[in-house]
Amino acid sequence: MTVAGAAVLKNEGFCPICARSSTFVAKGEWLRDQYLCVRCGSVPRERALMSTVETQFPHWRELAIHESSPVRRGASLKLARECARYQSSRYFAELPLGAHRGGVRCENLEALTFADASFDVHITQDVMEHVLDPASAFREIARTLRPGGAHIFTTPLVNRSAPSRVRARRDESGRIVNLEEPIYHGNPIDKRGSLVTVDWGFDICQRIFEACGLLTQTIHIDDLSRGIRAEYNEVLVTIKPAATPAGDRGDPA
């Protein structure tokens, strides 16, 4: 039995978001949302994502980074604060795509208005389980990535080794049809929350390949020294191959 107010998990370590020593504390057993850094309030998946960004793109501060639906803490704030070419977007149904509200651009991941090869890195944190047409979103992300760039993202792989399950879709008229009992996750700009449209499994990598032809790796970090331990804590990295110089393609001299 957990004593009221007592920490389920507490340890000292180094926070990848704060980039300094900190304490990580969980007051509840759902570590994914409750194992917090006392300095920045980040949760494990944000620390795992930031660790992955640092490993894959150590010069990330110099890159063009786009984040869809950022949160008001953790990796989102760090990226916005330290990357001069960081750009964020949200989907505002009442605004035309490409318009701005409060410095945030209105974009739909299924139909981005950015030009081809606009970004070195796309970031999404727990977004892809709310997209009604994820295949289109993966294609658009691939289109707007520069060669050598990556989509680095989290999404709960709740089905683990079972096939991904579609929970909601659009019909031909554009109406949302629920195929399962509706589930909503918190949304910082919508009190109704965000509808869960897909219960992803590990076959997400195959789904991404079928959508856009890019390969994806699944990274799992379990490291208490960085405050990274939780359920469904995988970070996925979809890489767009770097352009191959003409002389390396076996072209005739």
Protein backbone atom coordinates (compact mmCIF):
# COMPACT_ATOMS: atom_id res chain seq x y z
CA MET A 1 0.00 0.00 0.00
CA THR A 2 1.24 3.50 -0.87
CA VAL A 3 1.23 5.95 2.04
CA ALA A 4 -0.62 9.18 1.14
CA GLY A 5 1.85 11.87 0.16
CA ALA A 6 4.84 9.50 0.13
CA ALA A 7 7.02 9.20 -2.96
CA VAL A 8 6.64 6.01 -4.98
CA LEU A 9 10.02 6.72 -6.54
CA LYS A 10 12.60 9.36 -5.69
CA ASN A 11 16.22 9.66 -6.78
CA GLU A 12 18.96 12.12 -7.58
CA GLY A 13 20.30 12.38 -11.12
CA PHE A 14 21.06 14.56 -14.13
CA CYS A 15 18.10 16.01 -16.02
CA PRO A 16 18.54 16.13 -19.82
CA ILE A 17 16.11 19.06 -19.93
CA CYS A 18 17.67 21.18 -17.17
CA ALA A 19 21.16 20.02 -18.18
CA ARG A 20 22.09 19.94 -14.52
CA SER A 21 21.77 17.81 -11.40
CA SER A 22 18.22 17.44 -10.12
CA THR A 23 15.85 15.26 -8.12
CA PHE A 24 13.19 13.08 -9.74
CA VAL A 25 10.06 12.30 -7.73
CA ALA A 26 6.93 10.25 -8.47
CA LYS A 27 3.98 10.64 -6.09
CA GLY A 28 1.92 8.10 -8.05
CA GLU A 29 2.50 4.77 -9.75
CA TRP A 30 1.82 6.01 -13.32
CA LEU A 31 5.41 7.08 -13.93
CA ARG A 32 4.74 8.26 -17.48
CA ASP A 33 2.98 11.37 -16.17
CA GLN A 34 3.94 11.43 -12.49
CA TYR A 35 7.74 10.92 -12.33
CA LEU A 36 8.71 14.60 -12.41
CA CYS A 37 11.91 16.60 -12.36
CA VAL A 38 11.56 18.97 -9.40
CA ARG A 39 13.36 21.73 -11.33
CA CYS A 40 11.57 21.81 -14.69
CA GLY A 41 8.51 19.58 -14.18
CA SER A 42 9.41 17.39 -17.16
CA VAL A 43 8.15 13.81 -17.41
CA PRO A 44 10.15 10.73 -18.48
CA ARG A 45 9.11 10.69 -22.14
CA GLU A 46 10.29 14.31 -22.53
CA ARG A 47 13.64 13.48 -20.97
CA ALA A 48 13.93 10.41 -23.22
CA LEU A 49 13.10 12.50 -26.28
CA MET A 50 15.60 15.22 -25.40
CA SER A 51 18.30 12.62 -24.75
CA THR A 52 17.59 11.16 -28.19
CA VAL A 53 17.77 14.57 -29.86
CA GLU A 54 21.13 15.20 -28.18
CA THR A 55 22.45 11.81 -29.32
CA GLN A 56 21.15 11.93 -32.89
CA PHE A 57 21.73 15.64 -33.53
CA PRO A 58 24.27 17.02 -31.01
CA HIS A 59 24.33 20.31 -32.98
CA TRP A 60 20.53 20.66 -32.75
CA ARG A 61 20.73 24.28 -31.62
CA GLU A 62 21.93 25.22 -35.13
CA LEU A 63 19.22 23.33 -37.00
CA ALA A 64 15.78 24.20 -38.36
CA ILE A 65 13.38 22.39 -36.02
CA HIS A 66 9.61 22.25 -36.23
CA GLU A 67 7.46 21.01 -33.36
CA SER A 68 3.77 20.29 -33.77
CA SER A 69 1.58 20.89 -30.71
CA PRO A 70 4.28 21.75 -28.17
CA VAL A 71 3.61 21.56 -24.47
CA ARG A 72 4.33 24.32 -21.96
CA ARG A 73 7.22 22.62 -20.19
CA GLY A 74 10.16 20.31 -20.63
CA ALA A 75 11.64 19.62 -24.06
CA SER A 76 9.32 22.07 -25.85
CA LEU A 77 10.49 25.01 -23.76
CA LYS A 78 14.12 23.94 -24.02
CA LEU A 79 13.96 23.67 -27.81
CA ALA A 80 12.17 27.02 -28.14
CA ARG A 81 14.62 28.73 -25.80
CA GLU A 82 17.89 27.35 -27.17
CA CYS A 83 17.27 26.73 -30.89
CA ALA A 84 17.18 29.99 -32.85
CA ARG A 85 15.45 28.33 -35.83
CA TYR A 86 12.80 26.52 -33.83
CA GLN A 87 9.24 26.93 -35.09
CA SER A 88 6.09 25.59 -33.48
CA SER A 89 2.63 24.99 -34.85
CA ARG A 90 -0.83 23.93 -33.73
CA TYR A 91 -4.01 23.21 -35.58
CA PHE A 92 -6.61 25.94 -35.01
CA ALA A 93 -9.78 24.85 -36.80
CA GLU A 94 -11.02 28.43 -37.14
CA LEU A 95 -7.81 29.77 -38.76
CA PRO A 96 -6.54 29.30 -42.31
CA LEU A 97 -3.46 27.10 -42.57
CA GLY A 98 -0.27 29.14 -42.45
CA ALA A 99 -1.83 31.91 -40.34
CA HIS A 100 -0.46 32.78 -36.91
CA ARG A 101 -1.95 33.17 -33.46
CA GLY A 102 0.21 34.41 -30.60
CA GLY A 103 3.36 33.59 -32.54
CA VAL A 104 2.21 30.02 -33.22
CA ARG A 105 1.58 28.96 -36.79
CA CYS A 106 -1.63 27.14 -37.75
CA GLU A 107 -0.74 23.83 -39.43
CA ASN A 108 -2.39 20.48 -40.06
CA LEU A 109 0.10 17.60 -40.02
CA GLU A 110 -1.95 15.89 -42.71
CA ALA A 111 -1.50 18.84 -45.11
CA LEU A 112 1.46 21.01 -44.12
CA THR A 113 1.91 24.34 -45.91
CA PHE A 114 5.71 24.27 -45.51
CA ALA A 115 7.83 23.89 -48.64
CA ASP A 116 9.67 20.68 -49.42
CA ALA A 117 12.84 20.10 -47.35
CA SER A 118 12.08 22.90 -44.88
CA PHE A 119 13.33 21.31 -41.67
CA ASP A 120 16.19 19.27 -40.29
CA VAL A 121 14.05 17.84 -37.50
CA HIS A 122 10.35 17.42 -36.85
CA ILE A 123 9.32 16.87 -33.22
CA THR A 124 5.98 15.50 -32.07
CA GLN A 125 5.28 14.54 -28.48
CA ASP A 126 2.25 12.30 -28.01
CA VAL A 127 0.59 13.68 -31.13
CA MET A 128 0.46 10.83 -33.63
CA GLU A 129 -2.17 8.91 -31.62
CA HIS A 130 -4.57 11.81 -32.26
CA VAL A 131 -4.18 12.13 -36.05
CA LEU A 132 -7.11 10.90 -38.13
CA ASP A 133 -5.03 10.21 -41.24
CA PRO A 134 -1.58 9.29 -39.94
CA ALA A 135 -0.37 8.00 -43.32
CA SER A 136 -0.83 11.48 -44.80
CA ALA A 137 0.91 13.01 -41.78
CA PHE A 138 3.90 10.72 -42.14
CA ARG A 139 4.12 11.57 -45.84
CA GLU A 140 3.96 15.30 -45.15
CA ILE A 141 6.62 15.05 -42.45
CA ALA A 142 8.86 13.12 -44.86
CA ARG A 143 8.26 15.67 -47.64
CA THR A 144 9.22 18.63 -45.50
CA LEU A 145 12.32 17.00 -43.99
CA ARG A 146 15.70 17.81 -45.48
CA PRO A 147 17.92 14.90 -46.56
CA GLY A 148 19.62 13.57 -43.45
CA GLY A 149 16.84 14.94 -41.26
CA ALA A 150 14.58 13.08 -38.86
CA HIS A 151 11.17 12.94 -37.26
CA ILE A 152 11.84 12.32 -33.56
CA PHE A 153 8.67 11.57 -31.64
CA THR A 154 6.84 9.87 -28.81
CA THR A 155 3.50 8.14 -29.01
CA PRO A 156 2.24 5.51 -26.58
CA LEU A 157 2.70 2.04 -28.11
CA VAL A 158 -0.16 0.64 -26.06
CA ASN A 159 -0.71 -2.43 -28.24
CA ARG A 160 2.92 -3.46 -27.89
CA SER A 161 3.35 -6.53 -30.11
CA ALA A 162 -0.29 -6.58 -31.25
CA PRO A 163 -1.30 -4.84 -34.49
CA SER A 164 -2.13 -1.15 -34.29
CA ARG A 165 -5.86 -0.56 -33.96
CA VAL A 166 -7.73 2.33 -35.55
CA ARG A 167 -10.18 3.84 -33.07
CA ALA A 168 -11.61 6.65 -35.20
CA ARG A 169 -11.59 7.78 -38.83
CA ARG A 170 -13.23 10.27 -41.18
CA ASP A 171 -15.99 9.15 -43.48
CA GLU A 172 -16.38 10.41 -47.06
CA SER A 173 -18.18 13.54 -45.84
CA GLY A 174 -15.38 14.40 -43.41
CA ARG A 175 -17.40 13.40 -40.34
CA ILE A 176 -15.48 11.65 -37.56
CA VAL A 177 -16.66 8.09 -37.02
CA ASN A 178 -15.71 6.33 -33.79
CA LEU A 179 -14.93 2.63 -34.27
CA GLU A 180 -14.26 2.11 -30.56
CA GLU A 181 -15.53 3.75 -27.37
CA PRO A 182 -14.08 7.30 -27.51
CA ILE A 183 -11.04 8.05 -25.35
CA TYR A 184 -9.73 11.58 -24.89
CA HIS A 185 -6.34 12.78 -23.68
CA GLY A 186 -5.67 16.20 -22.20
CA ASN A 187 -5.26 19.10 -24.59
CA PRO A 188 -3.80 22.42 -23.34
CA ILE A 189 -5.88 24.46 -25.79
CA ASP A 190 -9.14 22.48 -25.81
CA LYS A 191 -11.12 21.60 -22.68
CA ARG A 192 -12.75 18.72 -24.53
CA GLY A 193 -9.39 17.02 -24.90
CA SER A 194 -7.94 15.23 -27.93
CA LEU A 195 -9.63 12.15 -29.34
CA VAL A 196 -7.41 9.07 -29.50
CA THR A 197 -7.60 7.82 -33.08
CA VAL A 198 -5.06 4.97 -33.04
CA ASP A 199 -3.82 2.49 -30.46
CA TRP A 200 -0.33 2.08 -31.89
CA GLY A 201 1.70 -1.11 -31.69
CA PHE A 202 5.28 -1.87 -32.64
CA ASP A 203 4.09 -2.25 -36.24
CA ILE A 204 4.06 1.55 -36.42
CA CYS A 205 7.50 1.32 -38.06
CA GLN A 206 6.03 -0.75 -40.90
CA ARG A 207 3.07 1.65 -41.17
CA ILE A 208 5.46 4.59 -41.54
CA PHE A 209 7.46 2.77 -44.22
CA GLU A 210 4.29 1.96 -46.16
CA ALA A 211 3.22 5.60 -45.95
CA CYS A 212 6.43 7.37 -46.92
CA GLY A 213 9.18 4.85 -47.63
CA LEU A 214 11.33 5.88 -44.66
CA LEU A 215 12.81 3.59 -42.02
CA THR A 216 12.11 4.10 -38.33
CA GLN A 217 13.96 2.86 -35.29
CA THR A 218 12.43 2.43 -31.85
CA ILE A 219 14.61 3.55 -28.94
CA HIS A 220 13.90 2.46 -25.39
CA ILE A 221 15.84 4.15 -22.59
CA ASP A 222 15.63 2.97 -19.00
CA ASP A 223 18.00 5.07 -16.93
CA LEU A 224 17.17 6.30 -13.44
CA SER A 225 20.28 8.51 -13.46
CA ARG A 226 18.50 10.63 -16.11
CA GLY A 227 15.03 10.20 -14.64
CA ILE A 228 13.97 8.01 -17.53
CA ARG A 229 11.73 5.17 -16.46
CA ALA A 230 8.07 4.81 -17.36
CA GLU A 231 5.43 2.91 -19.24
CA TYR A 232 5.21 3.36 -23.04
CA ASN A 233 8.38 5.43 -22.98
CA GLU A 234 9.73 4.60 -26.44
CA VAL A 235 11.16 7.31 -28.69
CA LEU A 236 10.79 6.75 -32.42
CA VAL A 237 13.22 8.16 -34.97
CA THR A 238 12.32 8.23 -38.66
CA ILE A 239 15.35 9.11 -40.78
CA LYS A 240 15.31 10.67 -44.24
CA PRO A 241 18.46 9.43 -46.03
CA ALA A 242 21.12 11.99 -46.78
CA ALA A 243 21.50 12.96 -50.42
CA THR A 244 24.02 10.74 -52.19
CA PRO A 245 26.69 12.56 -54.22
CA ALA A 246 26.46 11.72 -57.92
CA GLY A 247 29.89 10.07 -57.87
CA ASP A 248 28.75 7.63 -55.16
CA ARG A 249 25.77 6.28 -57.08
CA GLY A 250 27.74 4.25 -59.57
CA ASP A 251 26.94 6.74 -62.36
CA PRO A 252 29.07 6.46 -65.47
CA ALA A 253 32.04 8.80 -65.46
